[in-house]
Amino acid sequence: MVLFTLWACSQTPPEPPPPVAAAPGAVPTDQTVPTLLGEVQGVAFVGEWTSLPCGGRTYARNIKFNSDQHYAAVDMVDPCPPGQECGWSGLTGFSGLWAVQGLKLRVQEIGGVPAAAGGPHPVLFEAAADGTLVENGCTYQPGLTVPPGYTEERVRPIIAP
């Protein structure tokens, strides 16, 4: 009996499963997140993301998350078509602060214009296994959406200093 107890205590515990590799588009961080499969590498949301029209939102949205927990977004509600003169560019912006909660990112708006009809401003993003972000059923890919006749600089969200 004593010999069995010594042998059982001398066994090394099983190794935890290896961390799950970050999906394309997601940026791995040193921070880990507890899951049912053990600790996995977290996701950094920093960078530029874009979502095409989705659900009740009939226009594309670009959003940028800075490492200082600030974010800004540009909604391309009604961009002026190429070669036409428009009194309004159809681009609206809003900004705020963000914080990571596990594999989710919560945003709090602190500036901008009221949301356009049918397209509420985001509140919570979740990292998907394929490296995208999902917000209110809408998928965001890394990068920017640039309507015809516009430049990246024109539709890139700018975070004021």
N, C-alpha and C. Protein backbone atom coordinates (compact mmCIF):
# COMPACT_ATOMS: atom_id res chain seq x y z
N MET A 1 0.82 -1.19 0.00
CA MET A 1 0.00 0.00 0.00
C MET A 1 0.86 1.25 0.00
N VAL A 2 1.89 1.28 0.83
CA VAL A 2 2.77 2.45 0.89
C VAL A 2 3.51 2.61 -0.43
N LEU A 3 3.94 1.52 -1.00
CA LEU A 3 4.66 1.57 -2.27
C LEU A 3 3.76 2.14 -3.38
N PHE A 4 2.48 1.76 -3.42
CA PHE A 4 1.55 2.28 -4.42
C PHE A 4 1.34 3.78 -4.24
N THR A 5 1.23 4.25 -2.99
CA THR A 5 1.05 5.66 -2.70
C THR A 5 2.26 6.45 -3.19
N LEU A 6 3.47 5.94 -2.93
CA LEU A 6 4.68 6.64 -3.39
C LEU A 6 4.72 6.69 -4.91
N TRP A 7 4.36 5.58 -5.57
CA TRP A 7 4.38 5.57 -7.03
C TRP A 7 3.35 6.56 -7.58
N ALA A 8 2.14 6.60 -7.02
CA ALA A 8 1.09 7.50 -7.49
C ALA A 8 1.48 8.95 -7.30
N CYS A 9 2.15 9.27 -6.19
CA CYS A 9 2.55 10.66 -5.93
C CYS A 9 3.72 11.09 -6.80
N SER A 10 4.49 10.12 -7.29
CA SER A 10 5.66 10.50 -8.08
C SER A 10 5.32 10.72 -9.55
N GLN A 11 4.11 10.39 -9.95
CA GLN A 11 3.71 10.60 -11.34
C GLN A 11 3.57 12.10 -11.62
N THR A 12 4.07 12.53 -12.76
CA THR A 12 3.92 13.94 -13.13
C THR A 12 2.52 14.13 -13.68
N PRO A 13 1.90 15.28 -13.38
CA PRO A 13 0.55 15.52 -13.89
C PRO A 13 0.57 15.63 -15.40
N PRO A 14 -0.54 15.30 -16.05
CA PRO A 14 -0.57 15.41 -17.52
C PRO A 14 -0.37 16.86 -17.95
N GLU A 15 0.28 17.02 -19.09
CA GLU A 15 0.51 18.38 -19.61
C GLU A 15 -0.79 18.94 -20.14
N PRO A 16 -1.00 20.26 -19.94
CA PRO A 16 -2.21 20.87 -20.50
C PRO A 16 -2.13 20.87 -22.02
N PRO A 17 -3.27 20.96 -22.68
CA PRO A 17 -3.24 20.99 -24.15
C PRO A 17 -2.46 22.20 -24.64
N PRO A 18 -1.83 22.09 -25.82
CA PRO A 18 -1.08 23.24 -26.33
C PRO A 18 -2.01 24.40 -26.62
N PRO A 19 -1.50 25.64 -26.56
CA PRO A 19 -2.34 26.80 -26.87
C PRO A 19 -2.87 26.71 -28.29
N VAL A 20 -4.08 27.20 -28.47
CA VAL A 20 -4.68 27.23 -29.80
C VAL A 20 -4.03 28.36 -30.58
N ALA A 21 -3.59 28.08 -31.78
CA ALA A 21 -2.97 29.11 -32.61
C ALA A 21 -4.01 30.14 -33.01
N ALA A 22 -3.59 31.38 -33.09
CA ALA A 22 -4.50 32.45 -33.51
C ALA A 22 -4.88 32.24 -34.97
N ALA A 23 -6.11 32.51 -35.28
CA ALA A 23 -6.59 32.38 -36.65
C ALA A 23 -6.07 33.53 -37.50
N PRO A 24 -6.03 33.37 -38.83
CA PRO A 24 -5.58 34.47 -39.68
C PRO A 24 -6.41 35.73 -39.41
N GLY A 25 -5.74 36.84 -39.29
CA GLY A 25 -6.43 38.10 -39.02
C GLY A 25 -6.40 38.47 -37.56
N ALA A 26 -6.46 37.49 -36.69
CA ALA A 26 -6.37 37.77 -35.27
C ALA A 26 -4.90 37.89 -34.91
N VAL A 27 -4.57 38.80 -34.03
CA VAL A 27 -3.19 39.01 -33.64
C VAL A 27 -2.99 38.39 -32.27
N PRO A 28 -2.11 37.38 -32.15
CA PRO A 28 -1.92 36.75 -30.85
C PRO A 28 -1.27 37.70 -29.86
N THR A 29 -1.59 37.52 -28.59
CA THR A 29 -0.99 38.31 -27.54
C THR A 29 -0.36 37.38 -26.52
N ASP A 30 0.40 37.93 -25.59
CA ASP A 30 0.97 37.14 -24.50
C ASP A 30 -0.08 36.80 -23.46
N GLN A 31 -1.18 37.54 -23.46
CA GLN A 31 -2.26 37.31 -22.51
C GLN A 31 -2.96 36.01 -22.85
N THR A 32 -3.28 35.20 -21.83
CA THR A 32 -4.03 33.99 -22.07
C THR A 32 -5.43 34.13 -21.53
N VAL A 33 -6.31 33.31 -22.07
CA VAL A 33 -7.72 33.35 -21.69
C VAL A 33 -8.12 31.95 -21.26
N PRO A 34 -8.74 31.78 -20.07
CA PRO A 34 -9.15 30.43 -19.66
C PRO A 34 -10.35 29.95 -20.48
N THR A 35 -10.31 28.71 -20.94
CA THR A 35 -11.43 28.10 -21.65
C THR A 35 -11.61 26.69 -21.10
N LEU A 36 -12.60 25.97 -21.59
CA LEU A 36 -12.82 24.58 -21.16
C LEU A 36 -11.67 23.69 -21.59
N LEU A 37 -10.91 24.11 -22.60
CA LEU A 37 -9.77 23.32 -23.08
C LEU A 37 -8.46 23.75 -22.44
N GLY A 38 -8.52 24.56 -21.42
CA GLY A 38 -7.31 25.07 -20.78
C GLY A 38 -7.05 26.50 -21.21
N GLU A 39 -5.88 27.00 -20.86
CA GLU A 39 -5.50 28.36 -21.20
C GLU A 39 -5.18 28.44 -22.69
N VAL A 40 -5.75 29.41 -23.38
CA VAL A 40 -5.42 29.63 -24.79
C VAL A 40 -4.93 31.04 -24.96
N GLN A 41 -4.20 31.24 -26.02
CA GLN A 41 -3.66 32.56 -26.29
C GLN A 41 -4.80 33.52 -26.60
N GLY A 42 -4.69 34.74 -26.08
CA GLY A 42 -5.72 35.75 -26.29
C GLY A 42 -5.64 36.36 -27.68
N VAL A 43 -6.54 37.28 -27.94
CA VAL A 43 -6.60 37.95 -29.24
C VAL A 43 -6.45 39.44 -29.01
N ALA A 44 -5.60 40.07 -29.79
CA ALA A 44 -5.47 41.52 -29.74
C ALA A 44 -6.37 42.09 -30.83
N PHE A 45 -7.20 43.01 -30.45
CA PHE A 45 -8.15 43.59 -31.39
C PHE A 45 -7.57 44.82 -32.10
N VAL A 46 -6.34 45.21 -31.76
CA VAL A 46 -5.73 46.42 -32.30
C VAL A 46 -5.59 46.31 -33.81
N GLY A 47 -5.98 47.38 -34.50
CA GLY A 47 -5.84 47.43 -35.95
C GLY A 47 -7.12 47.92 -36.60
N GLU A 48 -7.13 47.83 -37.93
CA GLU A 48 -8.28 48.28 -38.72
C GLU A 48 -9.12 47.08 -39.13
N TRP A 49 -10.43 47.23 -39.02
CA TRP A 49 -11.39 46.18 -39.35
C TRP A 49 -12.50 46.78 -40.19
N THR A 50 -13.13 45.95 -41.03
CA THR A 50 -14.22 46.43 -41.86
C THR A 50 -15.35 45.41 -41.92
N SER A 51 -16.56 45.91 -42.06
CA SER A 51 -17.74 45.07 -42.21
C SER A 51 -18.58 45.62 -43.35
N LEU A 52 -18.98 44.74 -44.25
CA LEU A 52 -19.86 45.13 -45.34
C LEU A 52 -21.28 45.29 -44.80
N PRO A 53 -22.22 45.81 -45.60
CA PRO A 53 -23.60 45.92 -45.11
C PRO A 53 -24.07 44.60 -44.51
N CYS A 54 -24.81 44.70 -43.41
CA CYS A 54 -25.19 43.50 -42.69
C CYS A 54 -26.44 43.76 -41.86
N GLY A 55 -27.35 42.82 -41.85
CA GLY A 55 -28.55 42.95 -41.03
C GLY A 55 -29.31 44.22 -41.39
N GLY A 56 -29.63 45.02 -40.36
CA GLY A 56 -30.33 46.28 -40.59
C GLY A 56 -29.43 47.40 -41.06
N ARG A 57 -28.11 47.18 -41.05
CA ARG A 57 -27.16 48.20 -41.48
C ARG A 57 -26.94 48.04 -42.98
N THR A 58 -27.34 49.04 -43.76
CA THR A 58 -27.29 48.95 -45.23
C THR A 58 -26.02 49.54 -45.82
N TYR A 59 -25.01 49.76 -45.02
CA TYR A 59 -23.77 50.38 -45.48
C TYR A 59 -22.59 49.73 -44.79
N ALA A 60 -21.40 49.92 -45.39
CA ALA A 60 -20.17 49.37 -44.83
C ALA A 60 -19.70 50.23 -43.65
N ARG A 61 -18.94 49.60 -42.77
CA ARG A 61 -18.37 50.29 -41.61
C ARG A 61 -16.89 49.91 -41.48
N ASN A 62 -16.04 50.91 -41.30
CA ASN A 62 -14.63 50.71 -40.97
C ASN A 62 -14.43 51.11 -39.52
N ILE A 63 -13.64 50.33 -38.79
CA ILE A 63 -13.38 50.65 -37.38
C ILE A 63 -11.91 50.38 -37.09
N LYS A 64 -11.34 51.21 -36.24
CA LYS A 64 -9.93 51.08 -35.88
C LYS A 64 -9.82 51.07 -34.37
N PHE A 65 -9.09 50.07 -33.85
CA PHE A 65 -8.83 49.96 -32.42
C PHE A 65 -7.35 50.25 -32.18
N ASN A 66 -7.06 51.28 -31.39
CA ASN A 66 -5.68 51.63 -31.03
C ASN A 66 -5.26 50.88 -29.77
N SER A 67 -3.96 50.74 -29.58
CA SER A 67 -3.45 50.05 -28.40
C SER A 67 -3.68 50.83 -27.11
N ASP A 68 -4.03 52.11 -27.21
CA ASP A 68 -4.28 52.91 -26.00
C ASP A 68 -5.74 52.85 -25.55
N GLN A 69 -6.49 51.85 -26.04
CA GLN A 69 -7.90 51.61 -25.69
C GLN A 69 -8.85 52.64 -26.26
N HIS A 70 -8.46 53.38 -27.28
CA HIS A 70 -9.37 54.28 -28.00
C HIS A 70 -9.74 53.63 -29.33
N TYR A 71 -10.92 53.95 -29.82
CA TYR A 71 -11.32 53.47 -31.12
C TYR A 71 -12.05 54.58 -31.87
N ALA A 72 -12.12 54.43 -33.19
CA ALA A 72 -12.89 55.34 -34.03
C ALA A 72 -13.48 54.50 -35.16
N ALA A 73 -14.62 54.97 -35.67
CA ALA A 73 -15.30 54.25 -36.75
C ALA A 73 -15.81 55.24 -37.78
N VAL A 74 -15.91 54.76 -39.02
CA VAL A 74 -16.50 55.52 -40.11
C VAL A 74 -17.59 54.65 -40.73
N ASP A 75 -18.82 55.17 -40.73
CA ASP A 75 -19.94 54.52 -41.41
C ASP A 75 -20.10 55.18 -42.77
N MET A 76 -20.10 54.37 -43.82
CA MET A 76 -20.23 54.88 -45.18
C MET A 76 -21.70 54.80 -45.58
N VAL A 77 -22.50 55.69 -44.94
CA VAL A 77 -23.95 55.66 -45.09
C VAL A 77 -24.37 55.92 -46.52
N ASP A 78 -23.84 56.94 -47.15
CA ASP A 78 -24.23 57.31 -48.50
C ASP A 78 -23.07 58.03 -49.18
N PRO A 79 -22.00 57.29 -49.53
CA PRO A 79 -20.86 57.96 -50.17
C PRO A 79 -21.25 58.60 -51.49
N CYS A 80 -20.64 59.71 -51.79
CA CYS A 80 -20.89 60.42 -53.05
C CYS A 80 -20.31 59.58 -54.20
N PRO A 81 -21.12 59.24 -55.21
CA PRO A 81 -20.62 58.43 -56.33
C PRO A 81 -19.49 59.15 -57.07
N PRO A 82 -18.58 58.38 -57.66
CA PRO A 82 -17.47 58.99 -58.40
C PRO A 82 -17.97 59.90 -59.52
N GLY A 83 -17.32 61.05 -59.69
CA GLY A 83 -17.64 61.98 -60.77
C GLY A 83 -18.84 62.87 -60.50
N GLN A 84 -19.41 62.82 -59.31
CA GLN A 84 -20.56 63.67 -59.00
C GLN A 84 -20.21 64.64 -57.89
N GLU A 85 -20.90 65.77 -57.89
CA GLU A 85 -20.76 66.75 -56.81
C GLU A 85 -21.85 66.47 -55.78
N CYS A 86 -21.46 66.33 -54.53
CA CYS A 86 -22.43 66.06 -53.47
C CYS A 86 -22.27 67.07 -52.35
N GLY A 87 -23.36 67.50 -51.78
CA GLY A 87 -23.30 68.43 -50.66
C GLY A 87 -22.86 67.76 -49.38
N TRP A 88 -23.02 66.45 -49.31
CA TRP A 88 -22.64 65.69 -48.12
C TRP A 88 -21.94 64.43 -48.57
N SER A 89 -20.83 64.11 -47.96
CA SER A 89 -20.05 62.96 -48.39
C SER A 89 -20.71 61.64 -48.03
N GLY A 90 -21.63 61.65 -47.08
CA GLY A 90 -22.28 60.41 -46.67
C GLY A 90 -21.47 59.58 -45.71
N LEU A 91 -20.36 60.14 -45.22
CA LEU A 91 -19.53 59.44 -44.25
C LEU A 91 -19.79 60.03 -42.87
N THR A 92 -20.07 59.17 -41.90
CA THR A 92 -20.26 59.62 -40.52
C THR A 92 -19.28 58.90 -39.63
N GLY A 93 -18.91 59.53 -38.55
CA GLY A 93 -17.95 58.92 -37.65
C GLY A 93 -18.38 58.96 -36.20
N PHE A 94 -17.80 58.07 -35.43
CA PHE A 94 -18.00 58.06 -33.99
C PHE A 94 -16.76 57.44 -33.37
N SER A 95 -16.58 57.65 -32.08
CA SER A 95 -15.38 57.16 -31.41
C SER A 95 -15.67 56.89 -29.95
N GLY A 96 -14.69 56.31 -29.28
CA GLY A 96 -14.86 56.01 -27.87
C GLY A 96 -13.71 55.22 -27.31
N LEU A 97 -14.01 54.46 -26.27
CA LEU A 97 -13.02 53.64 -25.56
C LEU A 97 -13.40 52.18 -25.68
N TRP A 98 -12.40 51.29 -25.58
CA TRP A 98 -12.67 49.86 -25.63
C TRP A 98 -11.89 49.13 -24.54
N ALA A 99 -12.38 47.96 -24.16
CA ALA A 99 -11.72 47.11 -23.18
C ALA A 99 -11.97 45.66 -23.54
N VAL A 100 -10.97 44.80 -23.34
CA VAL A 100 -11.09 43.38 -23.62
C VAL A 100 -11.65 42.67 -22.41
N GLN A 101 -12.60 41.78 -22.66
CA GLN A 101 -13.18 40.91 -21.64
C GLN A 101 -13.11 39.49 -22.17
N GLY A 102 -11.99 38.80 -21.92
CA GLY A 102 -11.78 37.45 -22.46
C GLY A 102 -11.61 37.52 -23.96
N LEU A 103 -12.48 36.86 -24.70
CA LEU A 103 -12.43 36.91 -26.16
C LEU A 103 -13.40 37.94 -26.73
N LYS A 104 -13.88 38.83 -25.86
CA LYS A 104 -14.82 39.86 -26.28
C LYS A 104 -14.21 41.23 -26.07
N LEU A 105 -14.68 42.17 -26.85
CA LEU A 105 -14.23 43.55 -26.76
C LEU A 105 -15.47 44.41 -26.58
N ARG A 106 -15.53 45.15 -25.49
CA ARG A 106 -16.67 46.03 -25.22
C ARG A 106 -16.26 47.46 -25.56
N VAL A 107 -17.12 48.16 -26.30
CA VAL A 107 -16.84 49.54 -26.68
C VAL A 107 -17.84 50.47 -26.01
N GLN A 108 -17.37 51.66 -25.69
CA GLN A 108 -18.23 52.70 -25.12
C GLN A 108 -18.02 53.95 -25.94
N GLU A 109 -19.08 54.39 -26.59
CA GLU A 109 -19.01 55.55 -27.47
C GLU A 109 -18.92 56.83 -26.64
N ILE A 110 -18.02 57.73 -27.05
CA ILE A 110 -17.90 59.01 -26.35
C ILE A 110 -17.95 60.19 -27.31
N GLY A 111 -18.13 59.94 -28.60
CA GLY A 111 -18.22 61.05 -29.54
C GLY A 111 -18.75 60.58 -30.87
N GLY A 112 -19.39 61.47 -31.59
CA GLY A 112 -19.86 61.14 -32.92
C GLY A 112 -21.27 61.63 -33.16
N VAL A 113 -21.85 61.14 -34.22
CA VAL A 113 -23.20 61.54 -34.60
C VAL A 113 -24.16 60.41 -34.24
N PRO A 114 -25.45 60.71 -34.10
CA PRO A 114 -26.40 59.64 -33.82
C PRO A 114 -26.36 58.56 -34.89
N ALA A 115 -26.64 57.34 -34.51
CA ALA A 115 -26.62 56.22 -35.46
C ALA A 115 -27.67 56.42 -36.54
N ALA A 116 -27.33 56.03 -37.75
CA ALA A 116 -28.29 56.12 -38.86
C ALA A 116 -29.40 55.10 -38.64
N ALA A 117 -30.52 55.34 -39.25
CA ALA A 117 -31.66 54.43 -39.11
C ALA A 117 -31.26 53.02 -39.53
N GLY A 118 -31.61 52.05 -38.70
CA GLY A 118 -31.36 50.65 -39.02
C GLY A 118 -29.96 50.18 -38.74
N GLY A 119 -29.07 51.03 -38.30
CA GLY A 119 -27.69 50.61 -38.08
C GLY A 119 -27.14 51.09 -36.76
N PRO A 120 -27.49 50.43 -35.66
CA PRO A 120 -26.98 50.90 -34.37
C PRO A 120 -25.46 50.80 -34.30
N HIS A 121 -24.88 51.68 -33.52
CA HIS A 121 -23.44 51.63 -33.32
C HIS A 121 -23.10 50.41 -32.47
N PRO A 122 -21.93 49.84 -32.67
CA PRO A 122 -21.58 48.61 -31.96
C PRO A 122 -21.38 48.83 -30.46
N VAL A 123 -21.57 47.75 -29.70
CA VAL A 123 -21.36 47.75 -28.26
C VAL A 123 -20.41 46.64 -27.86
N LEU A 124 -20.51 45.46 -28.51
CA LEU A 124 -19.71 44.31 -28.12
C LEU A 124 -19.25 43.54 -29.36
N PHE A 125 -17.97 43.27 -29.44
CA PHE A 125 -17.38 42.46 -30.51
C PHE A 125 -16.91 41.15 -29.89
N GLU A 126 -16.95 40.09 -30.67
CA GLU A 126 -16.44 38.81 -30.19
C GLU A 126 -15.49 38.25 -31.24
N ALA A 127 -14.35 37.71 -30.78
CA ALA A 127 -13.39 37.09 -31.69
C ALA A 127 -13.92 35.73 -32.12
N ALA A 128 -13.98 35.49 -33.42
CA ALA A 128 -14.43 34.21 -33.96
C ALA A 128 -13.22 33.32 -34.23
N ALA A 129 -13.44 32.02 -34.33
CA ALA A 129 -12.36 31.06 -34.52
C ALA A 129 -11.62 31.28 -35.84
N ASP A 130 -12.25 31.91 -36.82
CA ASP A 130 -11.60 32.11 -38.12
C ASP A 130 -10.80 33.41 -38.19
N GLY A 131 -10.65 34.12 -37.07
CA GLY A 131 -9.84 35.34 -37.06
C GLY A 131 -10.62 36.60 -37.35
N THR A 132 -11.93 36.49 -37.50
CA THR A 132 -12.76 37.66 -37.73
C THR A 132 -13.33 38.14 -36.40
N LEU A 133 -13.96 39.29 -36.44
CA LEU A 133 -14.71 39.80 -35.30
C LEU A 133 -16.19 39.74 -35.67
N VAL A 134 -17.04 39.48 -34.69
CA VAL A 134 -18.47 39.43 -34.93
C VAL A 134 -19.13 40.40 -33.96
N GLU A 135 -20.01 41.24 -34.52
CA GLU A 135 -20.73 42.23 -33.71
C GLU A 135 -22.17 42.22 -34.18
N ASN A 136 -23.08 41.90 -33.29
CA ASN A 136 -24.51 41.92 -33.60
C ASN A 136 -24.82 41.12 -34.87
N GLY A 137 -24.14 39.98 -35.05
CA GLY A 137 -24.34 39.13 -36.22
C GLY A 137 -23.59 39.56 -37.46
N CYS A 138 -22.86 40.66 -37.41
CA CYS A 138 -22.10 41.16 -38.55
C CYS A 138 -20.63 40.78 -38.40
N THR A 139 -20.03 40.34 -39.50
CA THR A 139 -18.62 39.92 -39.49
C THR A 139 -17.72 41.07 -39.92
N TYR A 140 -16.61 41.22 -39.20
CA TYR A 140 -15.59 42.21 -39.52
C TYR A 140 -14.31 41.48 -39.89
N GLN A 141 -13.73 41.88 -41.01
CA GLN A 141 -12.46 41.35 -41.50
C GLN A 141 -11.37 42.39 -41.26
N PRO A 142 -10.11 41.98 -41.15
CA PRO A 142 -9.04 42.98 -41.08
C PRO A 142 -9.01 43.79 -42.37
N GLY A 143 -8.75 45.10 -42.25
CA GLY A 143 -8.63 45.95 -43.43
C GLY A 143 -9.66 47.05 -43.46
N LEU A 144 -9.81 47.64 -44.64
CA LEU A 144 -10.73 48.75 -44.84
C LEU A 144 -11.60 48.49 -46.06
N THR A 145 -12.83 49.00 -46.04
CA THR A 145 -13.67 49.04 -47.23
C THR A 145 -13.50 50.44 -47.82
N VAL A 146 -13.19 50.51 -49.12
CA VAL A 146 -12.99 51.79 -49.80
C VAL A 146 -13.97 51.86 -50.96
N PRO A 147 -15.02 52.71 -50.84
CA PRO A 147 -15.99 52.83 -51.94
C PRO A 147 -15.34 53.41 -53.19
N PRO A 148 -15.90 53.13 -54.37
CA PRO A 148 -15.36 53.71 -55.61
C PRO A 148 -15.30 55.23 -55.52
N GLY A 149 -14.20 55.79 -55.98
CA GLY A 149 -14.03 57.24 -55.97
C GLY A 149 -13.45 57.78 -54.67
N TYR A 150 -13.22 56.92 -53.69
CA TYR A 150 -12.65 57.34 -52.40
C TYR A 150 -11.25 56.76 -52.25
N THR A 151 -10.49 57.29 -51.32
CA THR A 151 -9.16 56.77 -51.01
C THR A 151 -9.19 56.18 -49.60
N GLU A 152 -8.19 55.36 -49.31
CA GLU A 152 -8.09 54.79 -47.96
C GLU A 152 -8.02 55.89 -46.90
N GLU A 153 -7.30 56.96 -47.20
CA GLU A 153 -7.15 58.05 -46.23
C GLU A 153 -8.51 58.69 -45.90
N ARG A 154 -9.39 58.74 -46.89
CA ARG A 154 -10.70 59.38 -46.70
C ARG A 154 -11.62 58.54 -45.81
N VAL A 155 -11.50 57.22 -45.89
CA VAL A 155 -12.42 56.35 -45.14
C VAL A 155 -11.75 55.68 -43.93
N ARG A 156 -10.49 56.00 -43.69
CA ARG A 156 -9.79 55.44 -42.53
C ARG A 156 -10.23 56.16 -41.26
N PRO A 157 -10.70 55.44 -40.25
CA PRO A 157 -11.06 56.09 -38.98
C PRO A 157 -9.85 56.75 -38.35
N ILE A 158 -10.03 57.97 -37.85
CA ILE A 158 -8.95 58.71 -37.22
C ILE A 158 -9.27 58.90 -35.75
N ILE A 159 -8.33 58.52 -34.92
CA ILE A 159 -8.48 58.67 -33.48
C ILE A 159 -7.77 59.95 -33.08
N ALA A 160 -8.53 60.92 -32.59
CA ALA A 160 -7.97 62.21 -32.23
C ALA A 160 -7.03 62.04 -31.03
N PRO A 161 -5.92 62.80 -31.04
CA PRO A 161 -4.97 62.69 -29.91
C PRO A 161 -5.56 63.22 -28.61
